[in-house]
Structures are given as C-alpha cells and as structure tokens.
Protein backbone atom coordinates (compact mmCIF):
# COMPACT_ATOMS: atom_id res chain seq x y z
CA MET A 1 96.43 -171.85 1.46
CA GLY A 2 95.55 -172.24 5.12
CA LEU A 3 94.66 -168.59 5.65
CA ARG A 4 91.02 -169.22 6.58
CA CYS A 5 90.24 -170.84 9.89
CA CYS A 6 87.68 -173.56 10.66
CA ASP A 7 84.94 -171.02 11.50
CA VAL A 8 82.35 -171.21 8.70
CA SER A 9 81.96 -167.43 8.84
CA CYS A 10 85.71 -166.65 8.90
CA GLY A 11 86.12 -163.03 7.94
CA LEU A 12 89.90 -162.69 8.24
CA GLY A 13 91.09 -165.08 5.55
CA PRO A 14 90.76 -164.10 1.90
CA SER A 15 87.66 -165.03 -0.03
CA ASP A 16 87.63 -167.20 -3.15
CA GLU A 17 86.85 -164.11 -5.22
CA ASP A 18 90.09 -162.36 -4.22
CA PRO A 19 92.73 -163.54 -6.74
CA CYS A 20 95.70 -161.74 -5.13
CA PRO A 21 95.07 -161.22 -1.41
CA THR A 22 97.29 -158.97 0.65
CA ILE A 23 97.63 -160.58 4.06
CA ASP A 24 99.00 -159.21 7.32
CA GLY A 25 100.63 -162.16 9.07
CA SER A 26 99.71 -160.91 12.54
CA THR A 27 95.96 -161.02 11.78
CA VAL A 28 95.86 -164.54 10.35
CA ARG A 29 97.54 -166.27 13.32
CA GLN A 30 95.50 -169.32 14.28
CA ILE A 31 95.13 -171.11 17.59
CA TYR A 32 94.02 -174.56 18.73
CA ILE A 33 91.52 -175.23 21.49
CA ARG A 34 93.37 -176.84 24.38
CA PRO A 35 92.23 -178.53 27.60
CA LEU A 36 92.12 -176.21 30.62
CA ASN A 37 95.14 -177.63 32.45
CA SER A 38 97.21 -178.70 29.45
CA ALA A 39 100.88 -178.22 30.32
CA ASP A 40 102.04 -180.51 27.50
CA GLY A 41 100.37 -178.57 24.66
CA ALA A 42 97.69 -181.19 23.97
CA LYS A 43 94.90 -180.19 21.56
CA VAL A 44 91.21 -180.99 21.92
CA CYS A 45 90.91 -181.42 18.14
CA GLU A 46 92.67 -180.45 14.90
CA HIS A 47 90.47 -177.41 14.18
CA THR A 48 92.21 -174.02 14.19
CA PHE A 49 90.69 -170.58 14.66
CA HIS A 50 91.70 -166.96 14.41
CA PRO A 51 91.22 -165.48 17.90
CA ALA A 52 88.70 -162.92 16.54
CA CYS A 53 86.70 -165.63 14.72
CA LEU A 54 86.59 -167.75 17.87
CA VAL A 55 85.16 -164.84 19.86
CA SER A 56 82.49 -164.08 17.27
CA ALA A 57 81.57 -167.78 16.92
CA GLU A 58 81.13 -168.02 20.69
CA ARG A 59 78.86 -164.99 20.68
CA VAL A 60 76.67 -166.56 17.99
CA ALA A 61 76.53 -170.01 19.60
CA GLY A 62 76.23 -168.69 23.14
CA TRP A 63 76.61 -170.60 26.35
CA GLY A 64 72.94 -171.41 26.97
CA SER A 65 71.68 -174.62 28.54
CA GLU A 66 70.55 -176.02 25.18
C-alpha cells in the first residue's frame, strides 16, 4: 500500500499482521534524499523514507570512516 518506507526497520508503516491499520496521514509522509544544492527537485535515488525512520537509520549506520 506504500505506507512503509524503504528502511528495513520501518516502524511507522503497518505490519503484515495488522489486517485493518488505522493510519495518521501526517506520520506516514515520506521524503526523498536530494542532492545538497538541488533547486530543481532532483532525487539521488527512488528510495523514500519517513523522516523519523531516516533519523534512526542514520544513528544505526553512523558516520564513521568505515
């Protein structure tokens, strides 16, 4: 249904076990990753993320030198 984002640990979209999810539209908004100086709305890729999932994924992956 497009409610889960591309984060493998997405916690905002409904699970497969929830037959009738109740969804708040403001929490399932998804964003694209864009280049830093993108005035034309270009996307880096087709993956979409909930803002909260993107923050938690960054915390897990980190910004280390590896």
